[in-house]
Protein backbone atom coordinates (compact mmCIF):
# COMPACT_ATOMS: atom_id res chain seq x y z
CA MET A 1 112.15 116.93 118.73
CA GLY A 2 108.66 118.46 119.15
CA SER A 3 105.44 116.71 118.23
CA LEU A 4 103.35 118.01 115.34
CA VAL A 5 99.59 118.00 114.82
CA LEU A 6 98.08 118.55 111.38
CA ILE A 7 94.67 120.20 111.75
CA ASP A 8 91.79 119.94 109.28
CA ALA A 9 90.82 123.62 109.42
CA ASP A 10 88.00 123.13 106.90
CA ILE A 11 86.08 121.27 109.58
CA VAL A 12 87.09 123.68 112.35
CA ALA A 13 85.80 126.62 110.30
CA TYR A 14 82.57 124.93 109.27
CA ARG A 15 81.62 123.56 112.69
CA CYS A 16 82.35 126.81 114.52
CA ALA A 17 80.46 128.88 111.95
CA ALA A 18 77.52 126.46 111.91
CA SER A 19 77.30 126.51 115.71
CA CYS A 20 76.44 130.22 115.70
CA LYS A 21 72.89 131.50 115.85
CA PRO A 22 71.77 133.89 113.08
CA GLU A 23 71.91 136.83 115.49
CA ASP A 24 75.39 136.01 116.85
CA PRO A 25 78.15 138.48 115.90
CA VAL A 26 81.25 137.19 114.13
CA GLU A 27 83.21 137.42 117.40
CA VAL A 28 81.27 134.43 118.74
CA CYS A 29 82.50 132.32 115.84
CA GLN A 30 86.06 133.57 116.28
CA THR A 31 86.06 132.82 120.00
CA ARG A 32 84.89 129.27 119.34
CA ILE A 33 87.59 128.77 116.73
CA ALA A 34 90.31 129.97 119.11
CA SER A 35 89.02 127.73 121.88
CA LEU A 36 88.82 124.66 119.63
CA MET A 37 92.28 125.20 118.15
CA ARG A 38 93.83 125.52 121.60
CA GLU A 39 91.95 122.46 122.77
CA ILE A 40 93.20 120.35 119.83
CA VAL A 41 96.84 121.25 120.44
CA THR A 42 96.50 120.68 124.20
CA GLN A 43 94.65 117.37 123.96
CA VAL A 44 97.09 115.99 121.41
CA GLY A 45 100.03 117.18 123.47
CA ALA A 46 101.64 118.81 120.45
CA THR A 47 104.41 121.37 120.60
CA GLU A 48 103.62 122.68 117.13
CA TYR A 49 100.78 122.60 114.62
CA ARG A 50 99.95 123.25 111.01
CA SER A 51 96.39 123.88 109.83
CA PHE A 52 94.99 123.61 106.33
CA LEU A 53 92.06 125.04 104.35
CA SER A 54 90.79 124.02 100.92
CA GLY A 55 91.10 126.71 98.27
CA PRO A 56 88.55 127.50 95.55
CA ARG A 57 90.24 125.29 92.93
CA ASN A 58 90.03 121.52 93.23
CA TRP A 59 91.63 119.00 90.88
CA ARG A 60 88.97 116.39 91.75
CA LYS A 61 86.24 118.58 90.25
CA ASP A 62 88.33 118.91 87.10
CA LEU A 63 88.66 115.13 86.93
CA TYR A 64 85.01 114.47 87.81
CA PRO A 65 82.64 117.46 87.54
CA LEU A 66 80.01 115.65 89.63
CA TYR A 67 82.37 115.53 92.63
CA LYS A 68 80.48 117.03 95.60
CA ALA A 69 77.82 118.24 93.15
CA ASN A 70 75.14 116.82 95.44
CA ARG A 71 75.88 119.38 98.17
CA LYS A 72 73.10 121.97 98.03
CA GLN A 73 73.08 123.20 101.62
CA GLU A 74 73.61 126.92 102.18
CA PRO A 75 76.95 127.54 103.94
CA PRO A 76 76.91 128.96 107.49
CA LYS A 77 76.73 132.75 107.79
CA TRP A 78 80.25 133.30 109.15
CA LEU A 79 82.07 130.58 107.19
CA GLN A 80 84.19 132.90 105.05
CA GLN A 81 85.08 135.05 108.06
CA ALA A 82 85.97 131.88 109.97
CA LYS A 83 88.46 130.90 107.28
CA GLU A 84 89.97 134.37 107.23
CA TYR A 85 90.34 134.29 111.02
CA LEU A 86 92.12 130.94 110.84
CA ILE A 87 94.53 132.31 108.24
CA VAL A 88 95.33 135.47 110.19
CA GLN A 89 95.36 134.11 113.73
CA PHE A 90 96.47 130.51 113.25
CA ASP A 91 98.53 130.65 110.05
CA ALA A 92 96.13 128.31 108.25
CA GLU A 93 97.51 127.36 104.84
CA MET A 94 95.08 127.80 101.94
CA SER A 95 95.60 125.18 99.24
CA ASP A 96 95.87 125.97 95.55
CA GLY A 97 94.22 123.36 93.34
CA LEU A 98 94.20 120.74 96.11
CA GLU A 99 91.93 120.02 99.02
CA ALA A 100 93.03 120.49 102.61
CA ASP A 101 93.02 116.68 102.85
CA ASP A 102 95.77 116.46 100.23
CA GLU A 103 97.87 119.12 101.96
CA ILE A 104 97.54 117.19 105.22
CA GLY A 105 98.48 113.98 103.43
CA ILE A 106 101.58 115.57 101.93
CA ALA A 107 102.60 116.97 105.31
CA LYS A 108 101.95 113.59 106.95
CA ALA A 109 104.12 111.81 104.37
CA SER A 110 107.09 114.02 105.30
CA ASN A 111 106.29 113.78 109.04
CA PRO A 112 105.12 110.18 109.64
CA GLU A 113 104.86 110.67 113.41
CA ALA A 114 102.57 113.69 113.08
CA VAL A 115 99.04 113.40 114.47
CA ILE A 116 96.12 114.15 112.14
CA ALA A 117 93.31 116.10 113.82
CA SER A 118 90.03 115.64 111.94
CA ILE A 119 86.68 113.89 112.01
CA ASP A 120 86.98 112.95 108.33
CA LYS A 121 86.92 109.16 107.97
CA ASP A 122 89.06 109.36 104.81
CA PHE A 123 92.18 109.88 106.92
CA ARG A 124 91.88 106.28 108.04
CA GLN A 125 93.84 105.45 104.89
CA PHE A 126 96.89 106.72 106.82
CA SER A 127 98.63 104.72 109.51
CA GLY A 128 99.37 106.46 112.78
CA ARG A 129 97.47 108.47 115.37
CA ILE A 130 94.30 110.35 114.48
CA TYR A 131 92.57 112.72 116.89
CA ASP A 132 88.80 113.17 116.57
CA PHE A 133 88.27 116.64 118.04
CA VAL A 134 84.49 116.30 118.18
CA LYS A 135 84.55 113.13 120.29
CA ALA A 136 87.85 114.22 121.93
CA GLU A 137 89.22 110.74 121.24
CA SER A 138 92.44 109.45 119.73
CA PHE A 139 92.86 106.18 117.89
CA PHE A 140 95.67 104.45 116.04
CA ILE A 141 95.60 102.94 112.56
CA ASP A 142 98.15 100.27 111.69
CA PRO A 143 99.51 100.03 108.12
CA VAL A 144 97.49 96.96 107.14
CA SER A 145 94.24 98.43 108.48
CA ALA A 146 94.93 101.67 106.59
CA THR A 147 95.27 99.75 103.32
CA GLN A 148 92.20 97.64 104.04
CA PHE A 149 90.16 100.78 104.74
CA PHE A 150 91.10 102.29 101.38
CA TYR A 151 89.98 99.19 99.49
CA GLN A 152 86.77 99.06 101.51
CA GLN A 153 86.05 102.64 100.48
CA LEU A 154 86.74 101.74 96.86
CA LEU A 155 83.91 99.24 97.03
CA LEU A 156 81.50 101.61 98.74
CA GLY A 157 82.28 104.94 97.11
CA ASP A 158 81.26 108.03 99.06
CA LYS A 159 77.74 109.43 98.95
CA THR A 160 78.78 112.56 100.88
CA ASP A 161 81.24 113.52 98.12
CA ASN A 162 79.24 111.88 95.31
CA VAL A 163 82.03 109.41 94.51
CA PRO A 164 80.79 106.25 92.73
CA GLY A 165 81.57 102.79 94.09
CA PHE A 166 82.13 99.39 92.46
CA ASP A 167 78.90 99.54 90.44
CA GLY A 168 78.94 103.26 89.67
CA LYS A 169 76.68 104.17 92.61
CA PRO A 170 77.83 106.33 95.54
CA ARG A 171 76.75 104.91 98.88
CA GLN A 172 76.80 105.90 102.52
CA ARG A 173 76.13 102.41 103.85
CA PRO A 174 77.22 99.04 102.51
CA THR A 175 74.91 96.52 100.90
CA LYS A 176 75.04 92.90 102.11
CA GLN A 177 77.35 92.11 99.21
CA ILE A 178 79.72 94.94 100.16
CA GLU A 179 79.59 93.87 103.81
CA TYR A 180 80.68 90.40 102.72
CA TRP A 181 83.59 91.82 100.72
CA TRP A 182 84.54 94.06 103.64
CA GLY A 183 84.70 90.99 105.87
CA VAL A 184 86.99 89.26 103.40
CA LEU A 185 89.22 92.33 103.21
CA GLU A 186 89.50 92.45 107.01
CA GLU A 187 90.91 88.93 106.89
CA THR A 188 93.26 89.74 104.00
CA PRO A 189 96.70 91.09 105.03
CA ASP A 190 98.26 91.03 101.54
CA GLU A 191 97.53 94.06 99.36
CA ARG A 192 97.77 92.13 96.11
CA ASP A 193 94.87 89.96 97.27
CA MET A 194 92.91 93.07 98.32
CA TYR A 195 93.49 94.61 94.92
CA GLU A 196 92.34 91.51 93.04
CA LEU A 197 89.16 91.24 95.10
CA VAL A 198 88.17 94.86 94.56
CA TYR A 199 89.23 94.98 90.91
CA ASP A 200 87.13 91.89 90.19
CA ALA A 201 84.15 93.51 91.96
CA TYR A 202 84.49 96.54 89.66
CA ASP A 203 84.78 94.29 86.64
CA GLN A 204 81.50 92.62 87.59
CA GLY A 205 79.74 95.79 88.74
CA GLY A 206 80.73 98.02 85.85
CA GLY A 207 82.21 100.85 87.91
CA ASP A 208 85.22 102.96 86.96
CA PHE A 209 88.05 101.64 89.14
CA GLU A 210 90.61 104.18 87.94
CA LEU A 211 88.31 107.16 88.54
CA THR A 212 87.20 106.16 92.02
CA SER A 213 90.67 105.20 93.19
CA GLN A 214 92.00 108.65 92.24
CA LEU A 215 89.06 110.51 93.78
CA LEU A 216 89.37 108.70 97.11
CA TYR A 217 93.15 108.73 97.34
CA ILE A 218 94.65 111.50 99.47
CA TRP A 219 97.91 112.76 98.03
CA ARG A 220 101.30 112.10 99.64
CA LYS A 221 103.22 114.36 97.27
CA ASN A 222 102.41 117.04 94.69
CA PRO A 223 101.43 115.93 92.12
CA ASP A 224 100.42 112.39 93.02
CA HIS A 225 98.57 109.47 91.49
CA TRP A 226 97.37 106.35 93.28
CA ARG A 227 98.72 102.97 92.45
CA PRO A 228 98.78 99.87 94.65
CA GLY A 229 101.63 99.44 97.09
CA PHE A 230 102.93 96.24 95.52
CA GLU A 231 103.51 98.10 92.24
CA GLN A 232 105.39 100.89 94.04
CA GLU A 233 107.74 98.31 95.56
CA VAL A 234 108.84 97.02 92.14
């Protein structure tokens, strides 16, 4: 059976478009995309790939209108053409109502051995092999570490995507209090204990646990809704 790599084409498109100078023709962007896509498949050692792009509709923005509302930067000149090139030349799949992350998560759930190719830290909530195609490095996440990472992110939130943390504030770096909680989580193998620690932190901090958990959770099926693993086992 062949090996599969799931490629975050949002990042491929953006990085290749952003690497172009203003005077570069679109062909420069396209050439860089083709080179990077081939490199990903080769470095992973995959026999097949699927690539994913986020469509214009996004359920997270419907749930929380401030999601990614802090992003004001002008997109790269050739970004739209980069996406079109990925669709035509590399069969990139454009999502409808989801983000590319969710489509990758759904594909990963049905192909647990598949490698995820992305630089997005959020994929650390999945166990298995992840390939960082900027650093050209692979690393493996075990199931317990994947769960711990998700709860750590619940405490922090995500400043890049404007997702609030335990006290309603989105952060890029942890406070000393969050660092302490992270340390406890790293020593906590049982998810029920992780859940109680983080839920108590939200209760004290005044954040919206339900909102943040859904915003940070990458879907495994369509539709999906996060709930802790120990509840799913019941």
